[in-house]
């Protein structure tokens, strides 16, 4: 049994075969998923999918790339949705210095506001990080994000930073890149970090794991991520599946 902790089944890429995609995941043993909504378009769809499917949950937040578009009304909307029984986290949020749509200072302000909101509603957060590790860690410390904890989504940083995040009550989630032949850091993290601090994800439709790299990713492929972690750690696939699923259920406070 697997828990794909970060999916975007609310993306346009799944518009024509959403039910079939979910069924393929079930056939591969993916019993649980968290659909992440991160703007005005994707949040309602994430809620709809979670409400209509057993064992599929939602996270709601505001993506850093679109930070410049977030209003106080949007923040209030996220707060309102946080009380929904199927919403299990706030996010994804964070910093993204790869794209230049939202200035860094705006991204940081929106990031801090969402951490404050998560602390107010007592929910964990999901962190998006692209080329901004140092600033993200600094903000998490300054805002005392350890009070609620969270997930370092699709983690691609060094082992030392992963340990720093674990000390702040964060889980380390690995996705498709851990299967890429040239992905040195995720492989090092998979080997070094205790399984009790790890989650698995696809981030579908993005970052499909080998041998599907370059194709549309989907939740069924999270098994390939788990298989790679098992191989790197020299343990059984069953142990990876059982432990990461247990971790996710406890993290999201889901009664199995």
C-alpha atoms as a PDB file:
ATOM      1  CA  UNK A   1       0.000   0.000   0.000  1.00  0.00           C
ATOM      2  CA  UNK A   2       1.343   3.412  -1.009  1.00  0.00           C
ATOM      3  CA  UNK A   3       0.531   7.053  -0.234  1.00  0.00           C
ATOM      4  CA  UNK A   4       1.391   9.523  -3.016  1.00  0.00           C
ATOM      5  CA  UNK A   5       1.688  12.650  -0.891  1.00  0.00           C
ATOM      6  CA  UNK A   6       1.821  15.211  -3.715  1.00  0.00           C
ATOM      7  CA  UNK A   7      -0.259  14.947  -6.890  1.00  0.00           C
ATOM      8  CA  UNK A   8      -1.748  17.478  -9.276  1.00  0.00           C
ATOM      9  CA  UNK A   9      -4.676  15.455 -10.559  1.00  0.00           C
ATOM     10  CA  UNK A  10      -6.350  18.871 -10.777  1.00  0.00           C
ATOM     11  CA  UNK A  11      -4.053  19.769 -13.696  1.00  0.00           C
ATOM     12  CA  UNK A  12      -5.389  20.113 -17.232  1.00  0.00           C
ATOM     13  CA  UNK A  13      -3.313  17.086 -18.273  1.00  0.00           C
ATOM     14  CA  UNK A  14      -5.764  14.783 -16.452  1.00  0.00           C
ATOM     15  CA  UNK A  15      -8.956  16.411 -17.692  1.00  0.00           C
ATOM     16  CA  UNK A  16      -9.792  13.597 -20.114  1.00  0.00           C
ATOM     17  CA  UNK A  17      -8.875  10.522 -18.063  1.00  0.00           C
ATOM     18  CA  UNK A  18      -8.995  11.420 -14.371  1.00  0.00           C
ATOM     19  CA  UNK A  19     -11.018   8.378 -13.286  1.00  0.00           C
ATOM     20  CA  UNK A  20      -8.846   6.012 -15.317  1.00  0.00           C
ATOM     21  CA  UNK A  21      -5.705   7.561 -13.832  1.00  0.00           C
ATOM     22  CA  UNK A  22      -7.007   7.045 -10.299  1.00  0.00           C
ATOM     23  CA  UNK A  23      -7.937   3.452 -11.135  1.00  0.00           C
ATOM     24  CA  UNK A  24      -4.455   2.713 -12.516  1.00  0.00           C
ATOM     25  CA  UNK A  25      -2.995   4.026  -9.275  1.00  0.00           C
ATOM     26  CA  UNK A  26      -5.281   1.799  -7.213  1.00  0.00           C
ATOM     27  CA  UNK A  27      -4.187  -1.198  -9.265  1.00  0.00           C
ATOM     28  CA  UNK A  28      -0.561  -0.423  -8.348  1.00  0.00           C
ATOM     29  CA  UNK A  29      -1.430  -0.296  -4.654  1.00  0.00           C
ATOM     30  CA  UNK A  30      -1.655   3.487  -4.322  1.00  0.00           C
ATOM     31  CA  UNK A  31      -4.486   3.716  -1.809  1.00  0.00           C
ATOM     32  CA  UNK A  32      -3.985   7.301  -0.640  1.00  0.00           C
ATOM     33  CA  UNK A  33      -3.190  10.593  -2.370  1.00  0.00           C
ATOM     34  CA  UNK A  34      -3.029  14.295  -1.545  1.00  0.00           C
ATOM     35  CA  UNK A  35      -4.099  16.634  -4.360  1.00  0.00           C
ATOM     36  CA  UNK A  36      -2.414  20.016  -4.085  1.00  0.00           C
ATOM     37  CA  UNK A  37      -4.245  23.205  -5.044  1.00  0.00           C
ATOM     38  CA  UNK A  38      -2.107  26.328  -5.317  1.00  0.00           C
ATOM     39  CA  UNK A  39      -4.115  29.112  -7.037  1.00  0.00           C
ATOM     40  CA  UNK A  40      -7.669  30.201  -7.864  1.00  0.00           C
ATOM     41  CA  UNK A  41      -7.995  27.628 -10.635  1.00  0.00           C
ATOM     42  CA  UNK A  42      -6.491  24.548  -9.002  1.00  0.00           C
ATOM     43  CA  UNK A  43      -7.825  24.865  -5.440  1.00  0.00           C
ATOM     44  CA  UNK A  44     -11.529  24.301  -6.316  1.00  0.00           C
ATOM     45  CA  UNK A  45     -10.592  21.317  -8.478  1.00  0.00           C
ATOM     46  CA  UNK A  46      -8.468  19.821  -5.692  1.00  0.00           C
ATOM     47  CA  UNK A  47     -11.421  20.147  -3.317  1.00  0.00           C
ATOM     48  CA  UNK A  48     -13.772  18.550  -5.835  1.00  0.00           C
ATOM     49  CA  UNK A  49     -11.496  15.553  -6.402  1.00  0.00           C
ATOM     50  CA  UNK A  50     -10.979  15.056  -2.664  1.00  0.00           C
ATOM     51  CA  UNK A  51     -14.690  15.272  -1.913  1.00  0.00           C
ATOM     52  CA  UNK A  52     -15.586  12.776  -4.644  1.00  0.00           C
ATOM     53  CA  UNK A  53     -12.952  10.105  -3.977  1.00  0.00           C
ATOM     54  CA  UNK A  54     -12.339   7.963  -0.934  1.00  0.00           C
ATOM     55  CA  UNK A  55      -8.828   8.257   0.544  1.00  0.00           C
ATOM     56  CA  UNK A  56      -7.933  11.232  -1.628  1.00  0.00           C
ATOM     57  CA  UNK A  57      -7.254  14.412   0.345  1.00  0.00           C
ATOM     58  CA  UNK A  58      -6.472  18.026  -0.482  1.00  0.00           C
ATOM     59  CA  UNK A  59      -3.850  20.614   0.423  1.00  0.00           C
ATOM     60  CA  UNK A  60      -4.603  24.271  -0.264  1.00  0.00           C
ATOM     61  CA  UNK A  61      -2.148  27.134  -0.505  1.00  0.00           C
ATOM     62  CA  UNK A  62      -0.518  29.639  -2.835  1.00  0.00           C
ATOM     63  CA  UNK A  63       2.394  28.856  -5.147  1.00  0.00           C
ATOM     64  CA  UNK A  64       5.394  31.214  -4.939  1.00  0.00           C
ATOM     65  CA  UNK A  65       5.518  31.728  -8.714  1.00  0.00           C
ATOM     66  CA  UNK A  66       2.057  33.319  -8.448  1.00  0.00           C
ATOM     67  CA  UNK A  67       2.698  35.132  -5.162  1.00  0.00           C
ATOM     68  CA  UNK A  68       2.231  38.502  -6.838  1.00  0.00           C
ATOM     69  CA  UNK A  69      -1.391  37.571  -7.613  1.00  0.00           C
ATOM     70  CA  UNK A  70      -2.432  36.571  -4.077  1.00  0.00           C
ATOM     71  CA  UNK A  71      -4.830  38.898  -2.266  1.00  0.00           C
ATOM     72  CA  UNK A  72      -5.980  39.072   1.353  1.00  0.00           C
ATOM     73  CA  UNK A  73      -9.255  37.568   0.115  1.00  0.00           C
ATOM     74  CA  UNK A  74      -7.353  34.568  -1.221  1.00  0.00           C
ATOM     75  CA  UNK A  75      -5.630  34.108   2.135  1.00  0.00           C
ATOM     76  CA  UNK A  76      -9.003  34.266   3.912  1.00  0.00           C
ATOM     77  CA  UNK A  77     -10.350  31.695   1.431  1.00  0.00           C
ATOM     78  CA  UNK A  78      -7.512  29.309   2.225  1.00  0.00           C
ATOM     79  CA  UNK A  79      -8.184  29.780   5.937  1.00  0.00           C
ATOM     80  CA  UNK A  80     -11.871  28.990   5.408  1.00  0.00           C
ATOM     81  CA  UNK A  81     -11.065  25.836   3.430  1.00  0.00           C
ATOM     82  CA  UNK A  82      -8.618  24.650   6.084  1.00  0.00           C
ATOM     83  CA  UNK A  83     -11.531  23.554   8.279  1.00  0.00           C
ATOM     84  CA  UNK A  84     -12.848  21.162   5.610  1.00  0.00           C
ATOM     85  CA  UNK A  85     -12.508  17.530   6.780  1.00  0.00           C
ATOM     86  CA  UNK A  86     -10.681  16.530   3.588  1.00  0.00           C
ATOM     87  CA  UNK A  87      -8.053  19.326   3.799  1.00  0.00           C
ATOM     88  CA  UNK A  88      -4.911  18.001   5.488  1.00  0.00           C
ATOM     89  CA  UNK A  89      -2.233  20.675   4.900  1.00  0.00           C
ATOM     90  CA  UNK A  90      -1.571  24.261   3.820  1.00  0.00           C
ATOM     91  CA  UNK A  91       0.490  24.586   0.638  1.00  0.00           C
ATOM     92  CA  UNK A  92       2.260  24.281  -1.540  1.00  0.00           C
ATOM     93  CA  UNK A  93       4.083  27.437  -0.516  1.00  0.00           C
ATOM     94  CA  UNK A  94       7.677  28.574  -0.488  1.00  0.00           C
ATOM     95  CA  UNK A  95      10.131  30.287  -2.830  1.00  0.00           C
ATOM     96  CA  UNK A  96      10.939  29.822  -6.505  1.00  0.00           C
ATOM     97  CA  UNK A  97      13.865  31.793  -7.902  1.00  0.00           C
ATOM     98  CA  UNK A  98      13.868  29.979 -11.245  1.00  0.00           C
ATOM     99  CA  UNK A  99      10.928  31.870 -12.704  1.00  0.00           C
ATOM    100  CA  UNK A 100      10.763  35.658 -12.412  1.00  0.00           C
ATOM    101  CA  UNK A 101       7.011  36.317 -12.405  1.00  0.00           C
ATOM    102  CA  UNK A 102       6.927  37.242  -8.706  1.00  0.00           C
ATOM    103  CA  UNK A 103       9.711  39.326  -7.124  1.00  0.00           C
ATOM    104  CA  UNK A 104      11.611  37.636  -4.295  1.00  0.00           C
ATOM    105  CA  UNK A 105      10.403  40.097  -1.662  1.00  0.00           C
ATOM    106  CA  UNK A 106       6.766  39.438  -2.628  1.00  0.00           C
ATOM    107  CA  UNK A 107       7.348  35.685  -2.525  1.00  0.00           C
ATOM    108  CA  UNK A 108       8.860  35.962   0.947  1.00  0.00           C
ATOM    109  CA  UNK A 109       5.957  38.047   2.238  1.00  0.00           C
ATOM    110  CA  UNK A 110       3.361  35.593   0.905  1.00  0.00           C
ATOM    111  CA  UNK A 111       5.385  32.666   2.279  1.00  0.00           C
ATOM    112  CA  UNK A 112       5.490  34.214   5.758  1.00  0.00           C
ATOM    113  CA  UNK A 113       1.760  34.993   5.674  1.00  0.00           C
ATOM    114  CA  UNK A 114       0.947  31.371   4.851  1.00  0.00           C
ATOM    115  CA  UNK A 115       3.183  30.034   7.623  1.00  0.00           C
ATOM    116  CA  UNK A 116       1.387  32.366  10.045  1.00  0.00           C
ATOM    117  CA  UNK A 117      -1.960  31.103   8.765  1.00  0.00           C
ATOM    118  CA  UNK A 118      -0.894  27.470   9.167  1.00  0.00           C
ATOM    119  CA  UNK A 119       0.122  28.168  12.768  1.00  0.00           C
ATOM    120  CA  UNK A 120      -3.220  29.879  13.361  1.00  0.00           C
ATOM    121  CA  UNK A 121      -5.238  26.902  12.062  1.00  0.00           C
ATOM    122  CA  UNK A 122      -2.706  24.368  13.432  1.00  0.00           C
ATOM    123  CA  UNK A 123      -2.003  22.596  10.149  1.00  0.00           C
ATOM    124  CA  UNK A 124       1.268  21.380   8.614  1.00  0.00           C
ATOM    125  CA  UNK A 125       2.727  23.056   5.538  1.00  0.00           C
ATOM    126  CA  UNK A 126       4.035  21.802   2.185  1.00  0.00           C
ATOM    127  CA  UNK A 127       7.180  23.521   0.944  1.00  0.00           C
ATOM    128  CA  UNK A 128       8.014  24.264  -2.701  1.00  0.00           C
ATOM    129  CA  UNK A 129      11.689  25.104  -3.139  1.00  0.00           C
ATOM    130  CA  UNK A 130      13.422  25.945  -6.382  1.00  0.00           C
ATOM    131  CA  UNK A 131      16.893  27.475  -6.199  1.00  0.00           C
ATOM    132  CA  UNK A 132      16.058  29.086  -2.833  1.00  0.00           C
ATOM    133  CA  UNK A 133      17.166  26.626  -0.145  1.00  0.00           C
ATOM    134  CA  UNK A 134      19.071  29.045   2.073  1.00  0.00           C
ATOM    135  CA  UNK A 135      16.260  31.621   2.172  1.00  0.00           C
ATOM    136  CA  UNK A 136      13.603  28.976   2.785  1.00  0.00           C
ATOM    137  CA  UNK A 137      15.431  27.448   5.747  1.00  0.00           C
ATOM    138  CA  UNK A 138      16.046  30.929   7.196  1.00  0.00           C
ATOM    139  CA  UNK A 139      12.343  31.870   6.925  1.00  0.00           C
ATOM    140  CA  UNK A 140      11.194  28.554   8.405  1.00  0.00           C
ATOM    141  CA  UNK A 141      13.417  29.236  11.415  1.00  0.00           C
ATOM    142  CA  UNK A 142      12.434  32.886  11.767  1.00  0.00           C
ATOM    143  CA  UNK A 143       8.719  32.069  11.598  1.00  0.00           C
ATOM    144  CA  UNK A 144       9.006  29.104  13.986  1.00  0.00           C
ATOM    145  CA  UNK A 145       7.470  26.794  11.402  1.00  0.00           C
ATOM    146  CA  UNK A 146       8.540  23.859  13.562  1.00  0.00           C
ATOM    147  CA  UNK A 147       5.361  24.516  15.574  1.00  0.00           C
ATOM    148  CA  UNK A 148       3.318  22.912  12.794  1.00  0.00           C
ATOM    149  CA  UNK A 149       5.988  21.045  10.815  1.00  0.00           C
ATOM    150  CA  UNK A 150       5.609  20.114   7.213  1.00  0.00           C
ATOM    151  CA  UNK A 151       6.927  18.441   4.095  1.00  0.00           C
ATOM    152  CA  UNK A 152       9.949  19.357   2.020  1.00  0.00           C
ATOM    153  CA  UNK A 153       8.200  18.504  -1.235  1.00  0.00           C
ATOM    154  CA  UNK A 154      10.217  16.782  -3.984  1.00  0.00           C
ATOM    155  CA  UNK A 155      13.368  17.366  -1.976  1.00  0.00           C
ATOM    156  CA  UNK A 156      16.506  17.871  -4.055  1.00  0.00           C
ATOM    157  CA  UNK A 157      18.942  19.460  -1.597  1.00  0.00           C
ATOM    158  CA  UNK A 158      21.921  18.046   0.305  1.00  0.00           C
ATOM    159  CA  UNK A 159      21.793  15.618   3.206  1.00  0.00           C
ATOM    160  CA  UNK A 160      22.917  18.286   5.703  1.00  0.00           C
ATOM    161  CA  UNK A 161      19.969  20.558   4.862  1.00  0.00           C
ATOM    162  CA  UNK A 162      17.561  17.605   4.998  1.00  0.00           C
ATOM    163  CA  UNK A 163      18.730  16.892   8.540  1.00  0.00           C
ATOM    164  CA  UNK A 164      18.298  20.568   9.420  1.00  0.00           C
ATOM    165  CA  UNK A 165      14.704  20.415   8.166  1.00  0.00           C
ATOM    166  CA  UNK A 166      14.019  17.187  10.057  1.00  0.00           C
ATOM    167  CA  UNK A 167      15.165  18.969  13.217  1.00  0.00           C
ATOM    168  CA  UNK A 168      12.434  21.548  12.478  1.00  0.00           C
ATOM    169  CA  UNK A 169       9.743  18.845  12.406  1.00  0.00           C
ATOM    170  CA  UNK A 170       9.716  18.411   8.609  1.00  0.00           C
ATOM    171  CA  UNK A 171       9.396  15.250   6.547  1.00  0.00           C
ATOM    172  CA  UNK A 172      11.589  14.677   3.497  1.00  0.00           C
ATOM    173  CA  UNK A 173       9.573  13.685   0.426  1.00  0.00           C
ATOM    174  CA  UNK A 174      11.284  12.121  -2.581  1.00  0.00           C
ATOM    175  CA  UNK A 175       9.843  11.951  -6.073  1.00  0.00           C
ATOM    176  CA  UNK A 176      10.807  10.968  -9.607  1.00  0.00           C
ATOM    177  CA  UNK A 177      14.271  12.594  -9.575  1.00  0.00           C
ATOM    178  CA  UNK A 178      15.567   9.958  -7.136  1.00  0.00           C
ATOM    179  CA  UNK A 179      15.308   7.499 -10.055  1.00  0.00           C
ATOM    180  CA  UNK A 180      17.269   9.692 -12.496  1.00  0.00           C
ATOM    181  CA  UNK A 181      20.739   8.317 -13.231  1.00  0.00           C
ATOM    182  CA  UNK A 182      22.441  11.701 -12.782  1.00  0.00           C
ATOM    183  CA  UNK A 183      20.494  12.764  -9.663  1.00  0.00           C
ATOM    184  CA  UNK A 184      23.288  12.517  -7.117  1.00  0.00           C
ATOM    185  CA  UNK A 185      21.739  14.476  -4.229  1.00  0.00           C
ATOM    186  CA  UNK A 186      18.331  12.721  -4.005  1.00  0.00           C
ATOM    187  CA  UNK A 187      20.097   9.355  -4.057  1.00  0.00           C
ATOM    188  CA  UNK A 188      22.423  10.448  -1.252  1.00  0.00           C
ATOM    189  CA  UNK A 189      19.423  11.646   0.764  1.00  0.00           C
ATOM    190  CA  UNK A 190      17.568   8.370   0.187  1.00  0.00           C
ATOM    191  CA  UNK A 191      20.548   6.457   1.580  1.00  0.00           C
ATOM    192  CA  UNK A 192      21.319   8.760   4.496  1.00  0.00           C
ATOM    193  CA  UNK A 193      17.943   9.750   5.924  1.00  0.00           C
ATOM    194  CA  UNK A 194      16.118   7.355   8.220  1.00  0.00           C
ATOM    195  CA  UNK A 195      12.994   5.972   6.576  1.00  0.00           C
ATOM    196  CA  UNK A 196      10.883   7.229   9.504  1.00  0.00           C
ATOM    197  CA  UNK A 197      11.449  10.776   8.202  1.00  0.00           C
ATOM    198  CA  UNK A 198      10.597  10.044   4.557  1.00  0.00           C
ATOM    199  CA  UNK A 199       7.575  10.253   2.280  1.00  0.00           C
ATOM    200  CA  UNK A 200       7.117   9.397  -1.403  1.00  0.00           C
ATOM    201  CA  UNK A 201       5.384  11.395  -4.118  1.00  0.00           C
ATOM    202  CA  UNK A 202       5.078  11.849  -7.864  1.00  0.00           C
ATOM    203  CA  UNK A 203       4.316  15.587  -8.254  1.00  0.00           C
ATOM    204  CA  UNK A 204       2.384  14.354 -11.283  1.00  0.00           C
ATOM    205  CA  UNK A 205       1.997  15.293 -14.092  1.00  0.00           C
ATOM    206  CA  UNK A 206       5.592  16.500 -13.697  1.00  0.00           C
ATOM    207  CA  UNK A 207       8.918  14.716 -13.114  1.00  0.00           C
ATOM    208  CA  UNK A 208       7.967  11.205 -14.221  1.00  0.00           C
ATOM    209  CA  UNK A 209      10.407   8.627 -12.818  1.00  0.00           C
ATOM    210  CA  UNK A 210      12.674   6.461 -14.954  1.00  0.00           C
ATOM    211  CA  UNK A 211      11.856   4.682 -17.290  1.00  0.00           C
ATOM    212  CA  UNK A 212       8.953   7.061 -17.987  1.00  0.00           C
ATOM    213  CA  UNK A 213      11.024  10.236 -17.823  1.00  0.00           C
ATOM    214  CA  UNK A 214       9.709  12.843 -20.263  1.00  0.00           C
ATOM    215  CA  UNK A 215       6.199  11.384 -20.284  1.00  0.00           C
ATOM    216  CA  UNK A 216       3.183  12.552 -18.292  1.00  0.00           C
ATOM    217  CA  UNK A 217       3.666  11.456 -14.714  1.00  0.00           C
ATOM    218  CA  UNK A 218       0.813   9.865 -12.759  1.00  0.00           C
ATOM    219  CA  UNK A 219       0.251   8.436  -9.254  1.00  0.00           C
ATOM    220  CA  UNK A 220       0.714   4.818 -10.350  1.00  0.00           C
ATOM    221  CA  UNK A 221       4.388   5.632 -10.927  1.00  0.00           C
ATOM    222  CA  UNK A 222       5.037   6.397  -7.254  1.00  0.00           C
ATOM    223  CA  UNK A 223       5.803   2.700  -6.921  1.00  0.00           C
ATOM    224  CA  UNK A 224       8.914   3.280  -9.064  1.00  0.00           C
ATOM    225  CA  UNK A 225      10.070   5.893  -6.539  1.00  0.00           C
ATOM    226  CA  UNK A 226       9.527   3.470  -3.655  1.00  0.00           C
ATOM    227  CA  UNK A 227      11.382   0.719  -5.520  1.00  0.00           C
ATOM    228  CA  UNK A 228      14.400   2.999  -6.055  1.00  0.00           C
ATOM    229  CA  UNK A 229      14.495   3.974  -2.376  1.00  0.00           C
ATOM    230  CA  UNK A 230      14.330   0.301  -1.386  1.00  0.00           C
ATOM    231  CA  UNK A 231      17.207  -0.512  -3.716  1.00  0.00           C
ATOM    232  CA  UNK A 232      19.337   2.394  -2.476  1.00  0.00           C
ATOM    233  CA  UNK A 233      18.733   1.473   1.166  1.00  0.00           C
ATOM    234  CA  UNK A 234      19.114  -2.257   0.629  1.00  0.00           C
ATOM    235  CA  UNK A 235      15.711  -3.011   2.139  1.00  0.00           C
ATOM    236  CA  UNK A 236      12.477  -4.519   0.852  1.00  0.00           C
ATOM    237  CA  UNK A 237       9.897  -2.620  -1.185  1.00  0.00           C
ATOM    238  CA  UNK A 238       7.330  -3.729   1.373  1.00  0.00           C
ATOM    239  CA  UNK A 239       9.211  -1.957   4.160  1.00  0.00           C
ATOM    240  CA  UNK A 240       9.373   1.265   2.152  1.00  0.00           C
ATOM    241  CA  UNK A 241       5.684   1.072   1.283  1.00  0.00           C
ATOM    242  CA  UNK A 242       4.545   0.302   4.822  1.00  0.00           C
ATOM    243  CA  UNK A 243       6.756   2.858   6.557  1.00  0.00           C
ATOM    244  CA  UNK A 244       6.194   5.790   4.194  1.00  0.00           C
ATOM    245  CA  UNK A 245       2.438   5.162   4.191  1.00  0.00           C
ATOM    246  CA  UNK A 246       2.394   5.015   7.996  1.00  0.00           C
ATOM    247  CA  UNK A 247       4.458   8.223   8.071  1.00  0.00           C
ATOM    248  CA  UNK A 248       2.008  10.007   5.764  1.00  0.00           C
ATOM    249  CA  UNK A 249      -1.103   8.874   7.623  1.00  0.00           C
ATOM    250  CA  UNK A 250       0.359  10.060  10.923  1.00  0.00           C
ATOM    251  CA  UNK A 251       1.651  13.304   9.431  1.00  0.00           C
ATOM    252  CA  UNK A 252      -1.700  14.205   7.860  1.00  0.00           C
ATOM    253  CA  UNK A 253      -3.598  12.913  10.928  1.00  0.00           C
ATOM    254  CA  UNK A 254      -5.660  10.514   8.813  1.00  0.00           C
ATOM    255  CA  UNK A 255      -7.418   7.615  10.498  1.00  0.00           C
ATOM    256  CA  UNK A 256      -6.773   4.547   8.323  1.00  0.00           C
END
